[in-house]
Amino acid sequence: MIQQNIGLAVILNLAALGLATTVELHPLAATVVYNGSAIAAGLNGLRPLMHQDPPRNLAHSEELNESNH
């Protein structure tokens, strides 16, 4: 995940740098790209927290435990 975030930020910033040197990217657009890559990396880092396991049915699991004993 860390490598994904670094790659994401580096690729977007290198693309913005390339555009800035060839097409004269406006400083405001460069700021948007820079901050956008930071936000994208941050959201990518939150991805494991967004995954939620389905709720477990405690009554059903107790029945399984009783039937196994």
N, C-alpha and C. Protein backbone atom coordinates (compact mmCIF):
# COMPACT_ATOMS: atom_id res chain seq x y z
N MET A 1 0.83 -1.18 0.00
CA MET A 1 0.00 0.00 0.00
C MET A 1 0.88 1.26 0.00
N ILE A 2 1.96 1.22 0.77
CA ILE A 2 2.85 2.38 0.80
C ILE A 2 3.47 2.61 -0.57
N GLN A 3 3.86 1.51 -1.22
CA GLN A 3 4.44 1.64 -2.56
C GLN A 3 3.41 2.17 -3.55
N GLN A 4 2.15 1.77 -3.40
CA GLN A 4 1.09 2.29 -4.27
C GLN A 4 0.96 3.80 -4.09
N ASN A 5 0.96 4.25 -2.84
CA ASN A 5 0.79 5.67 -2.57
C ASN A 5 1.97 6.48 -3.10
N ILE A 6 3.17 5.97 -2.91
CA ILE A 6 4.35 6.67 -3.42
C ILE A 6 4.30 6.72 -4.95
N GLY A 7 3.97 5.59 -5.56
CA GLY A 7 3.88 5.54 -7.02
C GLY A 7 2.82 6.48 -7.55
N LEU A 8 1.68 6.52 -6.88
CA LEU A 8 0.60 7.41 -7.29
C LEU A 8 1.04 8.87 -7.24
N ALA A 9 1.64 9.25 -6.14
CA ALA A 9 2.07 10.65 -5.99
C ALA A 9 3.19 10.99 -6.98
N VAL A 10 4.15 10.09 -7.14
CA VAL A 10 5.28 10.36 -8.02
C VAL A 10 4.83 10.46 -9.48
N ILE A 11 3.98 9.54 -9.90
CA ILE A 11 3.55 9.54 -11.30
C ILE A 11 2.74 10.80 -11.63
N LEU A 12 1.81 11.16 -10.74
CA LEU A 12 1.01 12.36 -11.01
C LEU A 12 1.88 13.62 -11.00
N ASN A 13 2.80 13.69 -10.05
CA ASN A 13 3.65 14.88 -9.98
C ASN A 13 4.64 14.95 -11.14
N LEU A 14 5.15 13.80 -11.59
CA LEU A 14 6.03 13.81 -12.76
C LEU A 14 5.26 14.19 -14.02
N ALA A 15 4.02 13.73 -14.12
CA ALA A 15 3.20 14.12 -15.27
C ALA A 15 2.96 15.62 -15.25
N ALA A 16 2.68 16.18 -14.08
CA ALA A 16 2.47 17.63 -13.97
C ALA A 16 3.76 18.37 -14.29
N LEU A 17 4.89 17.85 -13.85
CA LEU A 17 6.17 18.48 -14.15
C LEU A 17 6.44 18.46 -15.65
N GLY A 18 6.12 17.33 -16.29
CA GLY A 18 6.28 17.23 -17.74
C GLY A 18 5.40 18.23 -18.47
N LEU A 19 4.16 18.37 -18.01
CA LEU A 19 3.27 19.35 -18.63
C LEU A 19 3.75 20.78 -18.37
N ALA A 20 4.27 21.01 -17.20
CA ALA A 20 4.75 22.36 -16.86
C ALA A 20 5.93 22.76 -17.74
N THR A 21 6.79 21.81 -18.06
CA THR A 21 7.96 22.15 -18.87
C THR A 21 7.65 22.24 -20.36
N THR A 22 6.62 21.52 -20.81
CA THR A 22 6.34 21.52 -22.25
C THR A 22 5.21 22.46 -22.65
N VAL A 23 4.16 22.53 -21.84
CA VAL A 23 2.98 23.30 -22.23
C VAL A 23 2.77 24.51 -21.32
N GLU A 24 3.69 24.77 -20.46
CA GLU A 24 3.57 25.87 -19.50
C GLU A 24 2.30 25.73 -18.67
N LEU A 25 2.27 24.69 -17.87
CA LEU A 25 1.14 24.43 -16.98
C LEU A 25 0.98 25.59 -16.01
N HIS A 26 -0.23 26.07 -15.89
CA HIS A 26 -0.53 27.19 -15.00
C HIS A 26 -0.23 26.78 -13.55
N PRO A 27 0.34 27.68 -12.74
CA PRO A 27 0.66 27.34 -11.35
C PRO A 27 -0.55 26.85 -10.55
N LEU A 28 -1.73 27.38 -10.83
CA LEU A 28 -2.92 26.91 -10.14
C LEU A 28 -3.23 25.45 -10.50
N ALA A 29 -3.06 25.10 -11.75
CA ALA A 29 -3.27 23.72 -12.19
C ALA A 29 -2.23 22.80 -11.55
N ALA A 30 -1.01 23.25 -11.45
CA ALA A 30 0.03 22.46 -10.80
C ALA A 30 -0.31 22.23 -9.33
N THR A 31 -0.86 23.24 -8.68
CA THR A 31 -1.27 23.11 -7.28
C THR A 31 -2.39 22.09 -7.15
N VAL A 32 -3.34 22.12 -8.08
CA VAL A 32 -4.45 21.17 -8.05
C VAL A 32 -3.92 19.75 -8.23
N VAL A 33 -2.99 19.55 -9.15
CA VAL A 33 -2.42 18.22 -9.38
C VAL A 33 -1.67 17.75 -8.14
N TYR A 34 -0.86 18.62 -7.55
CA TYR A 34 -0.08 18.26 -6.37
C TYR A 34 -1.00 17.88 -5.21
N ASN A 35 -1.97 18.73 -4.91
CA ASN A 35 -2.89 18.44 -3.81
C ASN A 35 -3.79 17.26 -4.13
N GLY A 36 -4.17 17.12 -5.39
CA GLY A 36 -4.98 15.97 -5.79
C GLY A 36 -4.25 14.66 -5.60
N SER A 37 -2.96 14.64 -5.90
CA SER A 37 -2.20 13.41 -5.70
C SER A 37 -2.07 13.09 -4.21
N ALA A 38 -1.94 14.11 -3.37
CA ALA A 38 -1.86 13.89 -1.93
C ALA A 38 -3.19 13.36 -1.40
N ILE A 39 -4.29 13.90 -1.89
CA ILE A 39 -5.61 13.43 -1.46
C ILE A 39 -5.84 12.00 -1.95
N ALA A 40 -5.47 11.71 -3.18
CA ALA A 40 -5.64 10.36 -3.73
C ALA A 40 -4.82 9.35 -2.92
N ALA A 41 -3.60 9.70 -2.56
CA ALA A 41 -2.77 8.80 -1.76
C ALA A 41 -3.37 8.61 -0.37
N GLY A 42 -3.91 9.67 0.21
CA GLY A 42 -4.54 9.56 1.52
C GLY A 42 -5.78 8.67 1.48
N LEU A 43 -6.60 8.84 0.45
CA LEU A 43 -7.80 8.00 0.32
C LEU A 43 -7.42 6.54 0.05
N ASN A 44 -6.37 6.34 -0.71
CA ASN A 44 -5.90 4.98 -0.96
C ASN A 44 -5.42 4.34 0.34
N GLY A 45 -4.82 5.14 1.21
CA GLY A 45 -4.38 4.62 2.50
C GLY A 45 -5.53 4.27 3.42
N LEU A 46 -6.68 4.88 3.22
CA LEU A 46 -7.86 4.59 4.04
C LEU A 46 -8.64 3.37 3.55
N ARG A 47 -8.25 2.86 2.40
CA ARG A 47 -8.99 1.76 1.79
C ARG A 47 -9.18 0.55 2.72
N PRO A 48 -8.17 0.12 3.48
CA PRO A 48 -8.41 -1.03 4.38
C PRO A 48 -9.45 -0.73 5.46
N LEU A 49 -9.58 0.51 5.86
CA LEU A 49 -10.57 0.85 6.88
C LEU A 49 -11.98 0.86 6.34
N MET A 50 -12.13 1.01 5.03
CA MET A 50 -13.45 1.04 4.42
C MET A 50 -14.04 -0.36 4.26
N HIS A 51 -13.20 -1.38 4.30
CA HIS A 51 -13.68 -2.75 4.14
C HIS A 51 -14.33 -3.19 5.44
N GLN A 52 -15.58 -3.61 5.34
CA GLN A 52 -16.29 -4.09 6.52
C GLN A 52 -16.76 -5.51 6.28
N ASP A 53 -16.47 -6.37 7.23
CA ASP A 53 -16.96 -7.74 7.15
C ASP A 53 -18.45 -7.75 7.44
N PRO A 54 -19.18 -8.68 6.85
CA PRO A 54 -20.62 -8.75 7.15
C PRO A 54 -20.82 -9.10 8.62
N PRO A 55 -21.90 -8.62 9.22
CA PRO A 55 -22.13 -8.92 10.64
C PRO A 55 -22.33 -10.42 10.84
N ARG A 56 -21.81 -10.91 11.94
CA ARG A 56 -21.94 -12.33 12.25
C ARG A 56 -23.20 -12.57 13.04
N ASN A 57 -23.87 -13.63 12.70
CA ASN A 57 -25.07 -14.03 13.41
C ASN A 57 -24.64 -14.86 14.62
N LEU A 58 -24.67 -14.25 15.80
CA LEU A 58 -24.19 -14.93 16.99
C LEU A 58 -25.02 -16.15 17.34
N ALA A 59 -26.32 -16.10 17.16
CA ALA A 59 -27.17 -17.24 17.48
C ALA A 59 -26.81 -18.43 16.59
N HIS A 60 -26.57 -18.16 15.31
CA HIS A 60 -26.22 -19.23 14.38
C HIS A 60 -24.87 -19.83 14.73
N SER A 61 -23.90 -19.04 15.10
CA SER A 61 -22.58 -19.56 15.44
C SER A 61 -22.63 -20.35 16.75
N GLU A 62 -23.51 -19.97 17.69
CA GLU A 62 -23.66 -20.74 18.93
C GLU A 62 -24.27 -22.10 18.63
N GLU A 63 -25.22 -22.16 17.70
CA GLU A 63 -25.82 -23.44 17.32
C GLU A 63 -24.77 -24.35 16.69
N LEU A 64 -23.90 -23.79 15.87
CA LEU A 64 -22.85 -24.58 15.25
C LEU A 64 -21.89 -25.13 16.30
N ASN A 65 -21.54 -24.31 17.29
CA ASN A 65 -20.64 -24.75 18.35
C ASN A 65 -21.26 -25.88 19.16
N GLU A 66 -22.55 -25.78 19.45
CA GLU A 66 -23.22 -26.81 20.23
C GLU A 66 -23.33 -28.12 19.45
N SER A 67 -23.56 -28.02 18.15
CA SER A 67 -23.70 -29.24 17.34
C SER A 67 -22.36 -29.92 17.14
N ASN A 68 -21.25 -29.18 17.22
CA ASN A 68 -19.93 -29.77 17.05
C ASN A 68 -19.46 -30.47 18.31
N HIS A 69 -20.03 -30.17 19.45
CA HIS A 69 -19.57 -30.78 20.70
C HIS A 69 -20.40 -31.96 21.03
